[in-house]
Amino acid sequence: MTTNPPAKETSGTSSSGRLSFFRQSGWMVIATVAGGMFMTVVHTVAAHKMESNEYSAFYSLLRFFVWLGIPAAGLQNVFAQQTAAALTAEKVHALAGTTRTILRLMFILWLVIAAFIVIAHRDILAVLKISNPAALWFAIVVGLTTFWVPILKGILQGKHHFAGFGWMQIIDGVLRFSVVAVLLIFFGGQAASGMAACVFSQLATLSLGFWLTKDIWTGEGTKIKWGPWLSRVIPLTFGLGAVLFMTATDALFVQKTFSSESRQFYMGANLTGFAIMMFVSPIAMVMFPRVVRSKAKSETTDAMMLTFLLTAAVGIMAALACTVMPTLPLRIIYAGSPKMLAAAPLVPWFAFALLPLTLSNVLITNLLAHERYKVVPFAVAIAVGYLVTLFALSDRLLQMPEQMQAFSMVVKLLGLFSLALMVVCAWFTWGTSRR
């Protein structure tokens, strides 16, 4: 079976190229908002039906798999890069062989990690304060989809098949909400029901992804060339992984460090900031393959600047709205749980703390698409410094008279290190170019 190379794209600097960019970005935002809306409503039901400790555990497990998805983040972008650059039959055959090989290797890696989780499950349950082990067993299954789904999304992203990419987002959100609502309303189950819903929705998403990319992974393939492939995937993994690491670390730190039920308010405010980041991040997904394709064809594109300006504009407006009306996102997300309005003081801080992190994602994605990897060690150093700082201040945070004050300091630290990351990425984007 043979596979045709992806269709050619119009240069990003032409008027038709810009129109295509805005159209694709618009679809991605709509699809992500639709899928994200249903995923957010999951928390409406969960916070209302779950006990406070169970909801905190459920939210922490979701953030835990953001951590676990760090290797997969690199995979999504390296497959988007390889697919976007597959302009000849030879490169398409190399893509097919690489896809099958990496799918197998990620399955083996999942088996190893799953075995480790099973062996150390008592310690993991204690650290994340999970009362029902079933939640962790369901989470293990989610781990496999966490490794496989990004590979398939990366292929769709590289092919500019944003409709298929978007439908994967929508189906994941719709099914997750539907199943968690049924399980919690009729069967209970607390955090375990939430993770069971994630398993169901992720397996459906995975099936759709396999079907949409079958022309690639079933095509005639050649052996993977490990040297060039690893030279791309390693910096992509660490560079984008630094952003993901900072996105999820604070929630896991709060879940581990604080024992009172008030940590659910931190999770609630965290979700509002994360929702803003999820709303604007699809624009960068459109940008990445366009930059790679333009580089492969020795063309110029203004996709990065368009992405940066759009992301900044939307992010600033959302952050200002959260500052003026901090209870509004909480009323929308947690309509059935008025107690969550206590998280309102943290909402503006989260909105502004995650804004530079979102812009950092745009800049570092552009740098990696251009294979400018010198930024990666600095990004990793900032992420590690953030983690070290959090644990260095843990005793001081616990000694604060009011826990909301401690939560506020955690958010401010996130904002400070996010700003540092954005400054470093901006320097490597514009400062070194001028030099």
Protein backbone atom coordinates (compact mmCIF):
# COMPACT_ATOMS: atom_id res chain seq x y z
CA MET A 1 0.00 0.00 0.00
CA THR A 2 1.36 3.44 -0.90
CA THR A 3 0.60 6.78 0.66
CA ASN A 4 0.54 10.13 -1.04
CA PRO A 5 2.54 12.95 0.51
CA PRO A 6 0.53 15.57 2.40
CA ALA A 7 -0.92 18.34 0.29
CA LYS A 8 1.10 21.48 -0.24
CA GLU A 9 0.30 24.53 1.84
CA THR A 10 0.21 28.16 0.86
CA SER A 11 3.02 30.27 2.26
CA GLY A 12 2.16 31.87 5.57
CA THR A 13 3.23 35.34 4.38
CA SER A 14 0.64 35.60 1.59
CA SER A 15 -2.91 36.87 2.13
CA SER A 16 -4.32 33.43 1.29
CA GLY A 17 -1.82 31.86 3.70
CA ARG A 18 -2.93 34.18 6.50
CA LEU A 19 -6.59 33.45 5.71
CA SER A 20 -5.84 29.72 5.88
CA PHE A 21 -4.00 30.22 9.17
CA PHE A 22 -6.93 32.10 10.74
CA ARG A 23 -9.44 29.58 9.41
CA GLN A 24 -7.50 26.61 10.77
CA SER A 25 -6.83 28.39 14.06
CA GLY A 26 -10.52 29.24 14.36
CA TRP A 27 -11.54 25.63 13.85
CA MET A 28 -9.00 24.41 16.36
CA VAL A 29 -10.16 26.94 18.95
CA ILE A 30 -13.82 26.03 18.36
CA ALA A 31 -13.09 22.30 18.62
CA THR A 32 -10.93 22.74 21.70
CA VAL A 33 -13.47 25.01 23.38
CA ALA A 34 -16.26 22.52 22.61
CA GLY A 35 -14.24 19.58 23.93
CA GLY A 36 -12.86 21.62 26.80
CA MET A 37 -16.33 22.83 27.73
CA PHE A 38 -17.52 19.27 28.25
CA MET A 39 -14.32 18.37 30.12
CA THR A 40 -14.87 21.41 32.33
CA VAL A 41 -18.48 20.44 33.02
CA VAL A 42 -17.05 17.14 34.26
CA HIS A 43 -15.70 19.17 37.17
CA THR A 44 -19.12 20.74 37.71
CA VAL A 45 -20.57 17.29 38.31
CA ALA A 46 -17.50 15.97 40.12
CA ALA A 47 -17.25 18.84 42.62
CA HIS A 48 -20.97 18.55 43.34
CA LYS A 49 -21.15 14.76 43.71
CA MET A 50 -17.69 13.91 45.09
CA GLU A 51 -16.51 14.49 48.62
CA SER A 52 -13.96 17.32 48.82
CA ASN A 53 -11.01 14.96 49.39
CA GLU A 54 -12.13 12.72 46.54
CA TYR A 55 -12.42 15.68 44.16
CA SER A 56 -8.91 16.84 45.08
CA ALA A 57 -7.61 13.32 44.44
CA PHE A 58 -9.41 13.14 41.08
CA TYR A 59 -8.02 16.50 39.98
CA SER A 60 -4.52 15.52 41.13
CA LEU A 61 -4.64 12.30 39.11
CA LEU A 62 -5.50 14.31 36.01
CA ARG A 63 -2.50 16.56 36.64
CA PHE A 64 -0.36 13.49 37.35
CA PHE A 65 -1.02 12.31 33.81
CA VAL A 66 0.00 15.68 32.46
CA TRP A 67 3.37 14.82 34.00
CA LEU A 68 3.26 11.32 32.53
CA GLY A 69 2.42 12.83 29.16
CA ILE A 70 5.69 14.78 29.00
CA PRO A 71 7.42 12.16 26.78
CA ALA A 72 4.30 12.05 24.62
CA ALA A 73 4.32 15.85 24.20
CA GLY A 74 7.66 15.54 22.46
CA LEU A 75 6.29 12.68 20.38
CA GLN A 76 3.28 14.68 19.21
CA ASN A 77 5.45 17.49 17.95
CA VAL A 78 8.16 15.31 16.43
CA PHE A 79 5.50 13.39 14.50
CA ALA A 80 3.89 16.68 13.46
CA GLN A 81 7.34 17.82 12.33
CA GLN A 82 8.10 14.61 10.44
CA THR A 83 4.65 14.48 8.84
CA ALA A 84 4.73 18.13 7.77
CA ALA A 85 8.14 17.59 6.16
CA ALA A 86 7.09 14.35 4.39
CA LEU A 87 6.99 15.88 0.92
CA THR A 88 8.34 12.82 -0.94
CA ALA A 89 7.32 9.16 -1.11
CA GLU A 90 10.58 8.18 0.59
CA LYS A 91 9.84 10.38 3.58
CA VAL A 92 6.27 9.10 3.79
CA HIS A 93 7.55 5.51 3.94
CA ALA A 94 9.99 6.54 6.67
CA LEU A 95 7.06 8.09 8.57
CA ALA A 96 5.05 4.86 8.34
CA GLY A 97 7.92 2.75 9.64
CA THR A 98 8.65 5.23 12.44
CA THR A 99 5.00 5.32 13.50
CA ARG A 100 4.71 1.54 13.90
CA THR A 101 8.06 1.29 15.70
CA ILE A 102 7.30 4.05 18.21
CA LEU A 103 3.80 2.73 18.90
CA ARG A 104 5.35 -0.61 19.87
CA LEU A 105 8.07 0.98 21.97
CA MET A 106 5.61 3.22 23.82
CA PHE A 107 3.50 0.14 24.61
CA ILE A 108 6.56 -1.53 26.14
CA LEU A 109 7.35 1.64 28.12
CA TRP A 110 3.76 1.72 29.37
CA LEU A 111 4.05 -1.88 30.57
CA VAL A 112 7.20 -0.98 32.53
CA ILE A 113 5.60 2.09 34.12
CA ALA A 114 2.39 0.19 34.87
CA ALA A 115 4.40 -2.52 36.63
CA PHE A 116 6.21 0.12 38.70
CA ILE A 117 2.90 1.77 39.68
CA VAL A 118 1.46 -1.59 40.73
CA ILE A 119 4.53 -2.35 42.85
CA ALA A 120 4.61 1.11 44.45
CA HIS A 121 0.86 1.65 44.55
CA ARG A 122 0.62 2.00 48.34
CA ASP A 123 3.11 4.87 48.36
CA ILE A 124 1.42 6.56 45.39
CA LEU A 125 -1.99 6.26 47.03
CA ALA A 126 -0.58 7.82 50.21
CA VAL A 127 1.18 10.72 48.46
CA LEU A 128 -1.84 11.63 46.33
CA LYS A 129 -4.26 10.88 49.21
CA ILE A 130 -6.38 8.46 47.15
CA SER A 131 -8.75 6.35 49.23
CA ASN A 132 -10.04 3.97 46.53
CA PRO A 133 -7.28 2.04 44.69
CA ALA A 134 -9.63 1.51 41.73
CA ALA A 135 -9.00 5.15 40.76
CA LEU A 136 -5.31 4.33 40.33
CA TRP A 137 -6.02 1.12 38.35
CA PHE A 138 -8.20 3.07 35.90
CA ALA A 139 -5.48 5.71 35.73
CA ILE A 140 -2.97 3.07 34.60
CA VAL A 141 -5.13 2.37 31.53
CA VAL A 142 -5.29 6.11 30.83
CA GLY A 143 -1.49 5.98 30.81
CA LEU A 144 -1.46 3.91 27.61
CA THR A 145 -3.71 6.36 25.78
CA THR A 146 -1.54 9.19 27.13
CA PHE A 147 1.38 7.63 25.22
CA TRP A 148 -0.46 6.68 22.03
CA VAL A 149 -2.98 9.47 21.37
CA PRO A 150 -0.33 12.22 20.94
CA ILE A 151 1.41 10.18 18.22
CA LEU A 152 -1.81 10.05 16.22
CA LYS A 153 -2.61 13.70 16.94
CA GLY A 154 0.88 14.64 15.79
CA ILE A 155 0.31 12.92 12.44
CA LEU A 156 -3.02 14.74 11.98
CA GLN A 157 -1.40 18.00 13.03
CA GLY A 158 1.42 17.54 10.51
CA LYS A 159 -1.05 16.67 7.75
CA HIS A 160 -3.05 19.83 8.56
CA HIS A 161 -6.02 17.52 9.21
CA PHE A 162 -7.35 19.87 11.88
CA ALA A 163 -10.93 18.68 11.45
CA GLY A 164 -9.96 15.17 12.57
CA PHE A 165 -7.76 16.58 15.33
CA GLY A 166 -10.66 18.73 16.51
CA TRP A 167 -13.15 15.85 16.51
CA MET A 168 -10.79 13.86 18.70
CA GLN A 169 -10.90 16.74 21.19
CA ILE A 170 -14.69 17.00 21.04
CA ILE A 171 -15.39 13.28 21.37
CA ASP A 172 -13.02 13.01 24.34
CA GLY A 173 -14.85 15.82 26.14
CA VAL A 174 -18.39 14.72 25.31
CA LEU A 175 -17.86 11.10 26.32
CA ARG A 176 -15.94 11.99 29.47
CA PHE A 177 -18.77 14.23 30.65
CA SER A 178 -21.51 11.78 29.69
CA VAL A 179 -19.92 8.76 31.37
CA VAL A 180 -18.83 10.56 34.54
CA ALA A 181 -22.33 12.04 34.93
CA VAL A 182 -23.94 8.59 34.66
CA LEU A 183 -21.44 6.92 36.98
CA LEU A 184 -21.52 9.59 39.68
CA ILE A 185 -25.26 10.21 39.62
CA PHE A 186 -26.39 6.58 39.52
CA PHE A 187 -23.49 4.55 40.93
CA GLY A 188 -21.31 6.88 43.02
CA GLY A 189 -17.71 5.75 43.06
CA GLN A 190 -16.15 9.15 43.70
CA ALA A 191 -12.68 9.63 42.11
CA ALA A 192 -12.73 6.08 40.70
CA SER A 193 -15.81 6.95 38.62
CA GLY A 194 -14.06 10.02 37.25
CA MET A 195 -11.05 7.99 36.14
CA ALA A 196 -13.31 5.28 34.65
CA ALA A 197 -14.95 7.97 32.51
CA CYS A 198 -11.49 9.11 31.37
CA VAL A 199 -10.68 5.53 30.30
CA PHE A 200 -13.86 5.26 28.23
CA SER A 201 -13.44 8.64 26.50
CA GLN A 202 -9.72 8.15 25.84
CA LEU A 203 -10.22 4.70 24.30
CA ALA A 204 -12.87 6.14 21.97
CA THR A 205 -10.53 9.00 21.05
CA LEU A 206 -7.71 6.54 20.42
CA SER A 207 -9.92 4.45 18.12
CA LEU A 208 -10.85 7.52 16.08
CA GLY A 209 -7.20 8.55 15.85
CA PHE A 210 -6.16 5.12 14.53
CA TRP A 211 -8.91 5.24 11.92
CA LEU A 212 -8.03 8.77 10.73
CA THR A 213 -4.32 7.93 10.38
CA LYS A 214 -4.63 4.41 8.98
CA ASP A 215 -3.13 5.53 5.65
CA ILE A 216 0.10 6.27 7.53
CA TRP A 217 0.56 3.42 10.00
CA THR A 218 -0.66 0.75 7.55
CA GLY A 219 1.46 2.08 4.68
CA GLU A 220 4.70 0.73 3.28
CA GLY A 221 7.42 1.54 5.77
CA THR A 222 11.19 1.70 6.10
CA LYS A 223 13.34 1.21 9.16
CA ILE A 224 13.65 4.13 11.52
CA LYS A 225 16.96 6.01 11.49
CA TRP A 226 17.51 6.36 15.21
CA GLY A 227 20.23 9.01 15.15
CA PRO A 228 18.34 11.77 13.29
CA TRP A 229 15.04 10.84 14.95
CA LEU A 230 16.41 10.99 18.50
CA SER A 231 18.20 14.25 17.70
CA ARG A 232 14.74 15.76 17.15
CA VAL A 233 12.64 14.00 19.76
CA ILE A 234 14.97 14.55 22.73
CA PRO A 235 15.07 18.38 22.56
CA LEU A 236 11.35 18.49 21.71
CA THR A 237 10.56 16.30 24.71
CA PHE A 238 12.62 18.34 27.16
CA GLY A 239 11.68 21.72 25.70
CA LEU A 240 7.92 21.22 25.59
CA GLY A 241 8.11 18.99 28.66
CA ALA A 242 9.39 21.95 30.68
CA VAL A 243 6.15 23.83 29.91
CA LEU A 244 3.97 20.82 30.76
CA PHE A 245 5.95 20.19 33.93
CA MET A 246 5.30 23.72 35.18
CA THR A 247 1.63 23.43 34.21
CA ALA A 248 0.97 20.44 36.48
CA THR A 249 3.52 20.68 39.30
CA ASP A 250 1.73 23.17 41.55
CA ALA A 251 -1.48 21.11 41.85
CA LEU A 252 0.45 17.95 42.71
CA PHE A 253 2.57 19.89 45.22
CA VAL A 254 -0.53 21.27 46.95
CA GLN A 255 -2.17 17.83 47.02
CA LYS A 256 0.93 16.29 48.60
CA THR A 257 1.82 19.10 51.03
CA PHE A 258 -1.52 20.25 52.44
CA SER A 259 -3.90 17.97 54.26
CA SER A 260 -6.98 20.12 54.85
CA GLU A 261 -10.06 20.00 52.66
CA SER A 262 -9.44 23.61 51.58
CA ARG A 263 -7.00 22.37 48.93
CA GLN A 264 -10.04 21.77 46.74
CA PHE A 265 -10.27 25.56 46.41
CA TYR A 266 -6.76 25.64 45.00
CA MET A 267 -7.77 22.99 42.46
CA GLY A 268 -10.83 25.03 41.53
CA ALA A 269 -8.87 28.21 40.88
CA ASN A 270 -6.18 26.20 39.09
CA LEU A 271 -8.82 24.85 36.70
CA THR A 272 -9.93 28.35 35.69
CA GLY A 273 -6.36 29.30 34.73
CA PHE A 274 -5.83 25.97 33.00
CA ALA A 275 -9.05 26.52 31.01
CA ILE A 276 -7.70 29.83 29.67
CA MET A 277 -4.44 28.14 28.67
CA MET A 278 -6.36 25.32 26.96
CA PHE A 279 -8.48 27.86 25.08
CA VAL A 280 -5.53 29.65 23.41
CA SER A 281 -2.98 26.81 23.05
CA PRO A 282 -4.57 25.33 19.85
CA ILE A 283 -3.29 28.33 17.89
CA ALA A 284 0.27 27.14 18.53
CA MET A 285 -0.73 23.68 17.28
CA VAL A 286 -1.68 25.24 13.95
CA MET A 287 1.54 27.23 13.86
CA PHE A 288 3.98 24.34 14.41
CA PRO A 289 3.43 22.32 11.19
CA ARG A 290 3.20 25.51 9.10
CA VAL A 291 6.61 26.63 10.35
CA VAL A 292 8.08 23.15 9.74
CA ARG A 293 6.58 22.99 6.22
CA SER A 294 7.86 26.48 5.40
CA LYS A 295 11.33 25.55 6.65
CA ALA A 296 11.34 22.36 4.57
CA LYS A 297 10.36 24.37 1.46
CA SER A 298 12.80 27.25 2.27
CA GLU A 299 9.89 29.70 2.53
CA THR A 300 9.23 32.45 5.04
CA THR A 301 6.13 32.62 7.24
CA ASP A 302 4.70 35.04 9.77
CA ALA A 303 2.72 32.29 11.52
CA MET A 304 4.70 32.67 14.75
CA MET A 305 4.04 36.41 15.07
CA LEU A 306 0.35 35.93 14.27
CA THR A 307 0.16 33.16 16.86
CA PHE A 308 1.98 35.19 19.52
CA LEU A 309 -0.20 38.27 19.02
CA LEU A 310 -3.45 36.27 18.97
CA THR A 311 -2.47 34.31 22.06
CA ALA A 312 -1.41 37.44 23.93
CA ALA A 313 -4.59 39.33 23.01
CA VAL A 314 -6.96 36.54 24.01
CA GLY A 315 -4.97 35.71 27.16
CA ILE A 316 -4.84 39.33 28.36
CA MET A 317 -8.57 39.82 27.81
CA ALA A 318 -9.34 36.61 29.70
CA ALA A 319 -7.02 37.57 32.56
CA LEU A 320 -8.58 41.04 32.84
CA ALA A 321 -12.06 39.51 32.87
CA CYS A 322 -11.00 37.16 35.68
CA THR A 323 -9.63 40.15 37.61
CA VAL A 324 -12.82 42.20 37.28
CA MET A 325 -15.19 39.23 37.82
CA PRO A 326 -13.21 36.53 39.69
CA THR A 327 -16.31 34.63 40.74
CA LEU A 328 -17.73 34.38 37.21
CA PRO A 329 -15.61 31.43 35.97
CA LEU A 330 -16.22 29.64 39.28
CA ARG A 331 -19.98 30.17 38.96
CA ILE A 332 -19.87 28.77 35.44
CA ILE A 333 -17.64 25.77 36.17
CA TYR A 334 -18.95 24.90 39.63
CA ALA A 335 -22.59 25.86 39.21
CA GLY A 336 -23.76 23.13 41.58
CA SER A 337 -21.16 23.85 44.28
CA PRO A 338 -21.40 27.39 45.67
CA LYS A 339 -18.72 26.53 48.25
CA MET A 340 -16.15 26.71 45.43
CA LEU A 341 -16.64 30.49 45.26
CA ALA A 342 -14.18 30.63 48.15
CA ALA A 343 -11.46 30.11 45.51
CA ALA A 344 -12.20 33.53 43.95
CA PRO A 345 -9.18 35.37 45.46
CA LEU A 346 -6.85 32.98 43.62
CA VAL A 347 -8.52 33.24 40.20
CA PRO A 348 -6.89 36.52 38.99
CA TRP A 349 -3.48 35.32 40.15
CA PHE A 350 -3.85 32.10 38.18
CA ALA A 351 -5.05 33.92 35.07
CA PHE A 352 -1.99 36.18 35.02
CA ALA A 353 0.45 33.49 36.24
CA LEU A 354 -0.37 31.15 33.37
CA LEU A 355 -0.39 33.88 30.70
CA PRO A 356 3.44 34.06 30.37
CA LEU A 357 3.56 30.27 30.46
CA THR A 358 1.11 30.14 27.54
CA LEU A 359 3.19 32.67 25.58
CA SER A 360 6.33 30.69 26.43
CA ASN A 361 4.67 27.68 24.82
CA VAL A 362 4.22 29.64 21.59
CA LEU A 363 7.82 30.87 21.55
CA ILE A 364 9.44 27.57 22.44
CA THR A 365 7.25 25.72 19.93
CA ASN A 366 8.46 28.08 17.21
CA LEU A 367 12.10 27.67 18.26
CA LEU A 368 11.81 23.88 18.22
CA ALA A 369 10.06 23.94 14.84
CA HIS A 370 13.11 25.81 13.52
CA GLU A 371 15.37 23.26 15.26
CA ARG A 372 16.90 25.99 17.42
CA TYR A 373 17.51 23.80 20.44
CA LYS A 374 19.84 26.01 22.54
CA VAL A 375 16.83 27.23 24.55
CA VAL A 376 16.10 23.72 25.89
CA PRO A 377 18.69 23.54 28.74
CA PHE A 378 17.56 26.93 30.03
CA ALA A 379 13.88 25.90 29.94
CA VAL A 380 14.64 22.68 31.83
CA ALA A 381 16.72 24.59 34.40
CA ILE A 382 13.83 26.99 35.07
CA ALA A 383 11.37 24.10 35.48
CA VAL A 384 13.69 22.28 37.89
CA GLY A 385 14.34 25.52 39.76
CA TYR A 386 10.59 25.98 40.17
CA LEU A 387 10.19 22.52 41.69
CA VAL A 388 13.18 22.97 44.03
CA THR A 389 11.87 26.36 45.18
CA LEU A 390 8.43 24.94 45.96
CA PHE A 391 9.81 22.21 48.20
CA ALA A 392 12.33 24.56 49.79
CA LEU A 393 9.44 26.79 50.88
CA SER A 394 7.08 23.97 51.92
CA ASP A 395 7.72 24.39 55.67
CA ARG A 396 7.20 28.14 55.46
CA LEU A 397 3.98 27.63 53.52
CA LEU A 398 2.64 25.20 56.12
CA GLN A 399 3.40 27.67 58.91
CA MET A 400 1.37 30.49 57.39
CA PRO A 401 -1.68 31.39 59.54
CA GLU A 402 -4.10 31.25 56.61
CA GLN A 403 -3.95 28.50 54.01
CA MET A 404 -5.29 30.75 51.25
CA GLN A 405 -2.26 32.96 51.85
CA ALA A 406 -0.02 29.94 51.31
CA PHE A 407 -1.94 29.01 48.16
CA SER A 408 -1.49 32.56 46.88
CA MET A 409 2.27 32.30 47.33
CA VAL A 410 2.33 29.05 45.35
CA VAL A 411 0.51 30.75 42.47
CA LYS A 412 2.83 33.78 42.60
CA LEU A 413 5.84 31.47 42.38
CA LEU A 414 4.29 29.85 39.31
CA GLY A 415 3.84 33.29 37.75
CA LEU A 416 7.41 34.34 38.58
CA PHE A 417 9.01 31.26 37.02
CA SER A 418 6.60 31.40 34.05
CA LEU A 419 7.70 34.98 33.43
CA ALA A 420 11.35 33.92 33.63
CA LEU A 421 10.70 31.20 31.06
CA MET A 422 8.96 33.64 28.73
CA VAL A 423 11.87 36.12 28.96
CA VAL A 424 14.38 33.36 28.11
CA CYS A 425 12.29 32.14 25.17
CA ALA A 426 11.85 35.71 23.92
CA TRP A 427 15.61 36.26 24.08
CA PHE A 428 16.30 33.13 22.01
CA THR A 429 13.52 34.14 19.59
CA TRP A 430 14.44 37.76 18.95
CA GLY A 431 17.61 38.67 20.86
CA THR A 432 19.88 36.01 19.40
CA SER A 433 18.41 36.56 15.92
CA ARG A 434 19.48 40.21 15.98
CA ARG A 435 22.94 39.20 17.15
